[in-house]
Amino acid sequence: MAQSRRARAHRVQVLKNWLDQRIDLAGMRQFVEHKVVPVHRHTVWYYFGGMTLFLFIVQVLTGILLLLYYQPSAEQAFESVQFIMTQVEFGWLIRSIHGWSANLLIATMMIHLFSVYFTRAYRKPRELTWISGVLLLGIMLLFGFSGYLLPWNELSYFATKVGTDLVAQLPVIGPTVGRILRGGDEVTGATLSRFYGIHVALLPLLTTGILGVHVFLVQKQGMSAPLDIERGGRPVRTMPFFPNFLLRDLVGWLSALAVLAALAAYSPWDLGSKADPFAAAPAGIQPEWYFVFMFQTLKYIPAKIVWIDGEILGVVVFSLVGLWLWLVPFLDHKAARGEDSPLFFWIGVSALAYILIFSILGYVAPGGK
């Protein structure tokens, strides 16, 4: 028996040596052993990045399973989703997990973004980390928008019609972008095919590249401590990444999994009725919750502001806000110098309050112009 154990240990060592010569296991092990994570009162916010990554992995795995049965055509899309939910073993659960994990992913990503914003973790030298993170948030929103149409049900059809109409109203590029997205002037089967391609090919390709850059930058630069702690003059308390932080991160993953499992089991994702392009739009139609605050804002904007169409102005303003968010590290000069920036703090508080208030209004007072 002792000889058998020695033989197994020898084989393991031979494999480790073989891998070490090719991918530098010793260097990776040394990096992990020396990597530390700051410990302070805001450390809890670090775990939302890992939870977001976990939910993205869930999205990929469940999406692959759904692709085995999904048919991307106006004639078969609804029926194929219906088949998944009624005939495929645990198909209803896989679809529910896919739907709920998409929503939880965007929720954790927004929490992660605001926590990074308020702790000024975008300051030098982490500007590229922030830029890649904001790009990933934009891609996740596009994932939600493109995937919403794929079941080809009544709600998704008319919500996509409203969304693409708004995109088409952008100055100069809007009409062209709208036709490219829809494959014509209206939402049809061609739109479904294009959204399918965007959802399962283009966006995953972009996500893989940008996510790889983002994770690399986070590992390379480490996690930032808040400004007030760094200015304290005392060394920042830390804990080892492995196993201390990693185990805590896994607790976050398990918490996300528990919430996801409960939502998928007790509130399965509904399918609704098949889309009918010739039917009237249902009353009170709304986009997914993460677009509701923008949708509700457009309802309150007058039809005309001087000579400018109100909806066009609203879309342009939201686009400029997105650009401002992307450029925050280069606009917040005080944070770059290690100083407090009250203006950017209150802009963040106002933005968060605005999103919450208008999202609530979108559900309790959905009426508008």
Protein backbone atom coordinates (compact mmCIF):
# COMPACT_ATOMS: atom_id res chain seq x y z
CA MET A 1 0.00 0.00 0.00
CA ALA A 2 2.85 2.38 0.89
CA GLN A 3 4.46 1.60 -2.45
CA SER A 4 1.18 2.39 -4.25
CA ARG A 5 0.97 5.76 -2.47
CA ARG A 6 4.53 6.57 -3.45
CA ALA A 7 3.75 5.67 -7.06
CA ARG A 8 0.71 7.96 -7.07
CA ALA A 9 2.70 10.78 -5.47
CA HIS A 10 5.42 10.31 -8.12
CA ARG A 11 2.85 10.50 -10.96
CA VAL A 12 1.34 13.66 -9.45
CA GLN A 13 4.78 15.23 -9.16
CA VAL A 14 5.61 14.32 -12.76
CA LEU A 15 2.36 15.97 -13.92
CA LYS A 16 3.07 19.10 -11.84
CA ASN A 17 6.57 19.35 -13.29
CA TRP A 18 5.20 18.94 -16.82
CA LEU A 19 2.63 21.70 -16.28
CA ASP A 20 5.13 23.94 -14.48
CA GLN A 21 7.46 23.87 -17.48
CA ARG A 22 4.65 25.05 -19.74
CA ILE A 23 2.45 27.46 -17.74
CA ASP A 24 4.71 28.48 -14.81
CA LEU A 25 2.68 27.06 -11.94
CA ALA A 26 5.31 28.23 -9.48
CA GLY A 27 4.88 31.84 -10.61
CA MET A 28 1.11 31.61 -10.37
CA ARG A 29 1.36 30.01 -6.92
CA GLN A 30 3.72 32.74 -5.76
CA PHE A 31 1.34 35.45 -7.05
CA VAL A 32 -1.63 33.92 -5.22
CA GLU A 33 0.35 33.47 -2.00
CA HIS A 34 1.39 37.13 -1.94
CA LYS A 35 -1.90 38.65 -3.11
CA VAL A 36 -3.78 40.46 -0.32
CA VAL A 37 -7.12 42.26 -0.02
CA PRO A 38 -7.66 45.45 2.03
CA VAL A 39 -9.84 45.02 5.13
CA HIS A 40 -12.02 47.97 6.14
CA ARG A 41 -15.65 48.87 6.71
CA HIS A 42 -16.33 48.87 2.96
CA THR A 43 -14.81 45.45 2.25
CA VAL A 44 -18.28 43.90 1.92
CA TRP A 45 -18.75 45.68 -1.41
CA TYR A 46 -15.83 43.75 -2.91
CA TYR A 47 -17.92 40.56 -2.98
CA PHE A 48 -20.44 41.91 -5.50
CA GLY A 49 -17.84 41.72 -8.27
CA GLY A 50 -17.42 37.99 -7.64
CA MET A 51 -21.19 37.48 -7.42
CA THR A 52 -21.59 39.21 -10.79
CA LEU A 53 -18.98 36.92 -12.34
CA PHE A 54 -20.72 33.87 -10.86
CA LEU A 55 -24.11 34.94 -12.27
CA PHE A 56 -22.52 35.51 -15.68
CA ILE A 57 -21.18 31.93 -15.61
CA VAL A 58 -24.72 30.75 -14.77
CA GLN A 59 -25.99 32.75 -17.76
CA VAL A 60 -23.49 31.10 -20.09
CA LEU A 61 -24.22 27.55 -18.91
CA THR A 62 -28.03 27.87 -18.94
CA GLY A 63 -27.90 29.74 -22.24
CA ILE A 64 -26.00 26.86 -23.86
CA LEU A 65 -28.63 24.41 -22.62
CA LEU A 66 -31.46 26.56 -24.00
CA LEU A 67 -29.71 26.81 -27.37
CA LEU A 68 -30.03 23.06 -27.80
CA TYR A 69 -33.78 23.43 -28.37
CA TYR A 70 -34.39 27.08 -29.31
CA GLN A 71 -35.42 27.90 -32.90
CA PRO A 72 -34.67 31.54 -33.90
CA SER A 73 -37.56 32.25 -36.27
CA ALA A 74 -40.86 34.08 -35.93
CA GLU A 75 -42.72 30.86 -36.81
CA GLN A 76 -40.96 28.59 -34.31
CA ALA A 77 -39.40 30.73 -31.53
CA PHE A 78 -42.43 30.84 -29.24
CA GLU A 79 -43.25 27.16 -29.80
CA SER A 80 -39.64 26.11 -29.14
CA VAL A 81 -39.60 27.98 -25.81
CA GLN A 82 -42.96 26.43 -24.99
CA PHE A 83 -41.50 23.00 -25.79
CA ILE A 84 -38.54 23.69 -23.49
CA MET A 85 -40.87 24.62 -20.65
CA THR A 86 -43.38 21.77 -21.04
CA GLN A 87 -41.57 18.83 -22.68
CA VAL A 88 -37.88 19.07 -21.84
CA GLU A 89 -37.00 17.62 -18.46
CA PHE A 90 -36.34 20.52 -16.06
CA GLY A 91 -36.57 22.87 -19.04
CA TRP A 92 -38.86 25.24 -17.14
CA LEU A 93 -36.27 25.43 -14.36
CA ILE A 94 -33.37 26.10 -16.72
CA ARG A 95 -35.30 28.92 -18.40
CA SER A 96 -36.32 30.39 -15.03
CA ILE A 97 -32.74 30.29 -13.81
CA HIS A 98 -31.59 31.95 -17.04
CA GLY A 99 -34.19 34.71 -16.74
CA TRP A 100 -33.71 35.40 -13.04
CA SER A 101 -29.92 35.21 -13.18
CA ALA A 102 -29.93 37.86 -15.94
CA ASN A 103 -31.87 40.21 -13.66
CA LEU A 104 -29.76 39.44 -10.60
CA LEU A 105 -26.59 39.90 -12.66
CA ILE A 106 -27.56 43.43 -13.66
CA ALA A 107 -28.63 44.20 -10.08
CA THR A 108 -25.30 43.04 -8.60
CA MET A 109 -23.40 44.79 -11.38
CA MET A 110 -25.14 48.10 -10.64
CA ILE A 111 -24.41 47.69 -6.91
CA HIS A 112 -20.78 46.94 -7.80
CA LEU A 113 -20.57 50.02 -10.04
CA PHE A 114 -22.03 52.40 -7.43
CA SER A 115 -19.78 50.97 -4.70
CA VAL A 116 -16.72 51.54 -6.90
CA TYR A 117 -17.98 55.05 -7.70
CA PHE A 118 -18.58 56.10 -4.09
CA THR A 119 -15.25 54.70 -2.85
CA ARG A 120 -13.47 56.49 -5.73
CA ALA A 121 -11.84 53.21 -6.77
CA TYR A 122 -11.67 54.54 -10.34
CA ARG A 123 -8.81 56.91 -9.46
CA LYS A 124 -5.27 56.53 -10.76
CA PRO A 125 -4.01 53.95 -11.68
CA ARG A 126 -7.35 52.14 -12.09
CA GLU A 127 -8.91 54.24 -14.87
CA LEU A 128 -8.84 51.37 -17.37
CA THR A 129 -10.46 49.05 -14.83
CA TRP A 130 -13.37 51.49 -14.51
CA ILE A 131 -13.67 51.98 -18.26
CA SER A 132 -13.77 48.23 -18.91
CA GLY A 133 -16.33 47.80 -16.09
CA VAL A 134 -18.65 50.46 -17.52
CA LEU A 135 -18.34 48.84 -20.94
CA LEU A 136 -19.31 45.50 -19.39
CA LEU A 137 -22.39 47.08 -17.79
CA GLY A 138 -23.41 48.47 -21.18
CA ILE A 139 -22.94 45.05 -22.77
CA MET A 140 -25.03 43.37 -20.05
CA LEU A 141 -27.84 45.86 -20.72
CA LEU A 142 -27.59 44.99 -24.41
CA PHE A 143 -27.74 41.30 -23.47
CA GLY A 144 -30.99 42.00 -21.61
CA PHE A 145 -32.43 44.06 -24.47
CA SER A 146 -31.55 41.54 -27.19
CA GLY A 147 -32.57 38.47 -25.17
CA TYR A 148 -35.94 39.97 -24.25
CA LEU A 149 -37.26 39.49 -27.79
CA LEU A 150 -36.15 35.87 -28.23
CA PRO A 151 -39.26 34.17 -26.71
CA TRP A 152 -41.29 36.10 -29.33
CA ASN A 153 -44.19 36.69 -26.95
CA GLU A 154 -46.58 39.61 -26.88
CA LEU A 155 -44.81 41.63 -24.21
CA SER A 156 -41.31 41.20 -25.64
CA TYR A 157 -42.45 42.07 -29.17
CA PHE A 158 -44.05 45.40 -28.29
CA ALA A 159 -41.35 46.32 -25.77
CA THR A 160 -38.73 45.75 -28.48
CA LYS A 161 -40.81 47.82 -30.91
CA VAL A 162 -40.81 50.73 -28.45
CA GLY A 163 -37.09 50.33 -27.72
CA THR A 164 -35.98 50.22 -31.35
CA ASP A 165 -38.25 53.19 -32.17
CA LEU A 166 -36.41 55.20 -29.50
CA VAL A 167 -33.02 54.18 -30.88
CA ALA A 168 -34.15 55.18 -34.37
CA GLN A 169 -34.87 58.71 -33.09
CA LEU A 170 -31.24 59.42 -32.26
CA PRO A 171 -29.88 62.30 -34.37
CA VAL A 172 -27.86 61.44 -37.48
CA ILE A 173 -27.12 57.75 -36.76
CA GLY A 174 -30.50 56.78 -35.26
CA PRO A 175 -32.43 55.85 -38.44
CA THR A 176 -29.52 53.76 -39.77
CA VAL A 177 -28.95 51.97 -36.45
CA GLY A 178 -32.70 51.33 -36.15
CA ARG A 179 -32.87 49.71 -39.60
CA ILE A 180 -29.78 47.61 -38.88
CA LEU A 181 -31.25 46.34 -35.61
CA ARG A 182 -34.70 45.63 -37.05
CA GLY A 183 -33.63 44.44 -40.47
CA GLY A 184 -36.11 46.92 -41.95
CA ASP A 185 -38.56 49.55 -40.80
CA GLU A 186 -40.58 47.28 -38.48
CA VAL A 187 -39.95 44.54 -35.92
CA THR A 188 -40.28 41.27 -37.85
CA GLY A 189 -38.76 37.81 -38.02
CA ALA A 190 -35.64 39.45 -39.45
CA THR A 191 -35.33 41.43 -36.20
CA LEU A 192 -35.56 38.21 -34.21
CA SER A 193 -32.78 36.62 -36.27
CA ARG A 194 -30.55 39.66 -35.80
CA PHE A 195 -31.19 39.88 -32.09
CA TYR A 196 -30.43 36.16 -31.80
CA GLY A 197 -27.10 36.63 -33.56
CA ILE A 198 -26.26 39.63 -31.39
CA HIS A 199 -27.26 37.76 -28.22
CA VAL A 200 -25.43 34.47 -28.79
CA ALA A 201 -22.45 35.53 -30.93
CA LEU A 202 -21.52 39.21 -30.99
CA LEU A 203 -22.11 40.13 -27.34
CA PRO A 204 -20.46 36.96 -25.92
CA LEU A 205 -17.42 37.67 -28.10
CA LEU A 206 -17.18 41.26 -26.83
CA THR A 207 -17.81 40.16 -23.24
CA THR A 208 -15.06 37.53 -23.34
CA GLY A 209 -12.46 40.06 -24.46
CA ILE A 210 -13.45 42.92 -22.16
CA LEU A 211 -14.08 40.65 -19.16
CA GLY A 212 -10.64 39.13 -19.62
CA VAL A 213 -9.08 42.62 -19.61
CA HIS A 214 -11.14 43.64 -16.56
CA VAL A 215 -10.22 40.58 -14.49
CA PHE A 216 -6.56 40.92 -15.49
CA LEU A 217 -6.50 44.57 -14.40
CA VAL A 218 -8.18 43.77 -11.08
CA GLN A 219 -5.62 41.04 -10.38
CA LYS A 220 -2.71 43.18 -11.56
CA GLN A 221 -3.60 46.34 -9.63
CA GLY A 222 -5.32 44.77 -6.64
CA MET A 223 -8.36 46.15 -4.85
CA SER A 224 -8.43 49.79 -3.91
CA ALA A 225 -8.94 51.07 -0.36
CA PRO A 226 -11.20 54.12 0.10
CA LEU A 227 -9.55 57.55 0.07
CA ASP A 228 -10.25 58.39 3.71
CA ILE A 229 -8.55 55.15 4.82
CA GLU A 230 -5.51 55.65 2.60
CA ARG A 231 -5.11 59.22 3.89
CA GLY A 232 -5.15 58.04 7.51
CA GLY A 233 -1.40 57.60 7.47
CA ARG A 234 -1.54 54.13 9.00
CA PRO A 235 -0.92 50.92 7.01
CA VAL A 236 -4.14 49.49 5.59
CA ARG A 237 -5.05 46.19 7.24
CA THR A 238 -5.14 43.28 4.76
CA MET A 239 -6.04 39.62 4.54
CA PRO A 240 -4.64 36.94 2.20
CA PHE A 241 -6.57 36.44 -1.01
CA PHE A 242 -6.16 32.67 -0.66
CA PRO A 243 -7.82 31.15 1.19
CA ASN A 244 -9.34 33.93 3.36
CA PHE A 245 -10.92 36.22 0.78
CA LEU A 246 -11.63 33.43 -1.68
CA LEU A 247 -13.68 31.52 0.90
CA ARG A 248 -15.66 34.66 1.74
CA ASP A 249 -16.18 35.26 -1.98
CA LEU A 250 -17.55 31.72 -2.31
CA VAL A 251 -20.07 32.54 0.43
CA GLY A 252 -21.26 35.38 -1.82
CA TRP A 253 -21.56 32.96 -4.73
CA LEU A 254 -23.58 30.55 -2.59
CA SER A 255 -25.81 33.40 -1.39
CA ALA A 256 -26.49 34.41 -4.99
CA LEU A 257 -27.20 30.77 -5.84
CA ALA A 258 -29.66 30.47 -2.93
CA VAL A 259 -31.57 33.58 -4.00
CA LEU A 260 -31.54 32.43 -7.63
CA ALA A 261 -32.80 28.94 -6.77
CA ALA A 262 -35.61 30.34 -4.61
CA LEU A 263 -36.77 32.76 -7.32
CA ALA A 264 -36.59 30.14 -10.07
CA ALA A 265 -38.48 27.53 -8.04
CA TYR A 266 -41.16 29.70 -6.44
CA SER A 267 -41.63 32.25 -9.23
CA PRO A 268 -41.01 30.47 -12.56
CA TRP A 269 -40.43 32.65 -15.60
CA ASP A 270 -43.70 33.14 -17.48
CA LEU A 271 -44.03 32.80 -21.25
CA GLY A 272 -47.26 34.67 -21.96
CA SER A 273 -48.95 34.74 -25.36
CA LYS A 274 -47.35 34.51 -28.78
CA ALA A 275 -46.59 37.84 -30.44
CA ASP A 276 -49.11 39.08 -33.00
CA PRO A 277 -47.71 42.02 -34.99
CA PHE A 278 -51.23 42.93 -36.16
CA ALA A 279 -52.69 43.12 -32.64
CA ALA A 280 -52.90 46.31 -30.60
CA ALA A 281 -50.17 46.87 -28.03
CA PRO A 282 -51.28 45.71 -24.56
CA ALA A 283 -52.00 48.44 -22.00
CA GLY A 284 -49.26 49.41 -19.56
CA ILE A 285 -46.45 47.84 -21.53
CA GLN A 286 -43.01 48.37 -19.95
CA PRO A 287 -39.42 47.29 -20.48
CA GLU A 288 -37.40 45.30 -17.95
CA TRP A 289 -36.93 46.97 -14.55
CA TYR A 290 -33.44 48.29 -15.31
CA PHE A 291 -34.82 50.40 -18.18
CA VAL A 292 -37.98 51.54 -16.38
CA PHE A 293 -36.50 54.78 -14.98
CA MET A 294 -35.51 55.90 -18.48
CA PHE A 295 -38.84 54.82 -19.95
CA GLN A 296 -40.73 56.70 -17.23
CA THR A 297 -38.61 59.81 -17.72
CA LEU A 298 -39.51 59.96 -21.40
CA LYS A 299 -43.20 59.96 -20.44
CA TYR A 300 -42.77 63.16 -18.44
CA ILE A 301 -40.85 65.05 -21.12
CA PRO A 302 -43.09 67.38 -23.21
CA ALA A 303 -43.69 66.37 -26.81
CA LYS A 304 -41.84 69.47 -27.98
CA ILE A 305 -39.21 71.54 -26.22
CA VAL A 306 -38.88 74.65 -28.39
CA TRP A 307 -38.36 72.96 -31.80
CA ILE A 308 -36.78 69.72 -30.52
CA ASP A 309 -38.75 66.50 -30.15
CA GLY A 310 -38.93 65.68 -26.43
CA GLU A 311 -38.18 61.95 -26.78
CA ILE A 312 -35.16 62.63 -28.97
CA LEU A 313 -33.84 65.09 -26.41
CA GLY A 314 -34.35 62.53 -23.64
CA VAL A 315 -32.48 59.79 -25.53
CA VAL A 316 -29.61 62.19 -26.30
CA VAL A 317 -29.36 63.27 -22.65
CA PHE A 318 -29.24 59.65 -21.44
CA SER A 319 -26.55 58.90 -24.04
CA LEU A 320 -24.47 61.86 -22.80
CA VAL A 321 -24.89 60.69 -19.20
CA GLY A 322 -23.54 57.29 -20.23
CA LEU A 323 -20.55 58.98 -21.88
CA TRP A 324 -19.97 61.09 -18.74
CA LEU A 325 -20.05 57.95 -16.59
CA TRP A 326 -17.45 56.33 -18.84
CA LEU A 327 -15.13 59.35 -18.51
CA VAL A 328 -15.51 59.89 -14.75
CA PRO A 329 -11.88 58.95 -13.90
CA PHE A 330 -10.63 61.72 -16.20
CA LEU A 331 -13.17 64.31 -15.00
CA ASP A 332 -12.76 63.83 -11.25
CA HIS A 333 -9.41 65.59 -10.88
CA LYS A 334 -9.63 65.79 -7.08
CA ALA A 335 -9.90 62.02 -6.68
CA ALA A 336 -6.86 61.64 -8.97
CA ARG A 337 -4.93 63.83 -6.49
CA GLY A 338 -6.18 61.82 -3.51
CA GLU A 339 -8.64 64.50 -2.38
CA ASP A 340 -12.35 64.41 -1.60
CA SER A 341 -14.66 65.48 -4.43
CA PRO A 342 -18.03 66.48 -2.91
CA LEU A 343 -19.45 67.41 -6.33
CA PHE A 344 -19.01 63.88 -7.69
CA PHE A 345 -20.29 62.39 -4.43
CA TRP A 346 -23.56 64.33 -4.63
CA ILE A 347 -23.89 63.63 -8.35
CA GLY A 348 -23.73 59.93 -7.48
CA VAL A 349 -26.28 60.29 -4.66
CA SER A 350 -28.61 62.24 -6.97
CA ALA A 351 -28.26 59.67 -9.76
CA LEU A 352 -29.00 56.79 -7.40
CA ALA A 353 -32.04 58.60 -5.94
CA TYR A 354 -33.26 59.47 -9.44
CA ILE A 355 -33.05 55.86 -10.63
CA LEU A 356 -34.90 54.58 -7.55
CA ILE A 357 -37.64 57.25 -7.59
CA PHE A 358 -38.40 57.01 -11.30
CA SER A 359 -38.28 53.21 -11.22
CA ILE A 360 -40.86 53.22 -8.41
CA LEU A 361 -42.98 55.74 -10.31
CA GLY A 362 -42.83 53.47 -13.34
CA TYR A 363 -44.63 50.76 -11.37
CA VAL A 364 -46.98 52.73 -9.11
CA ALA A 365 -47.81 55.53 -11.55
CA PRO A 366 -47.15 54.10 -15.01
CA GLY A 367 -49.33 56.66 -16.78
CA GLY A 368 -47.84 59.50 -18.73
CA LYS A 369 -48.25 61.45 -21.88
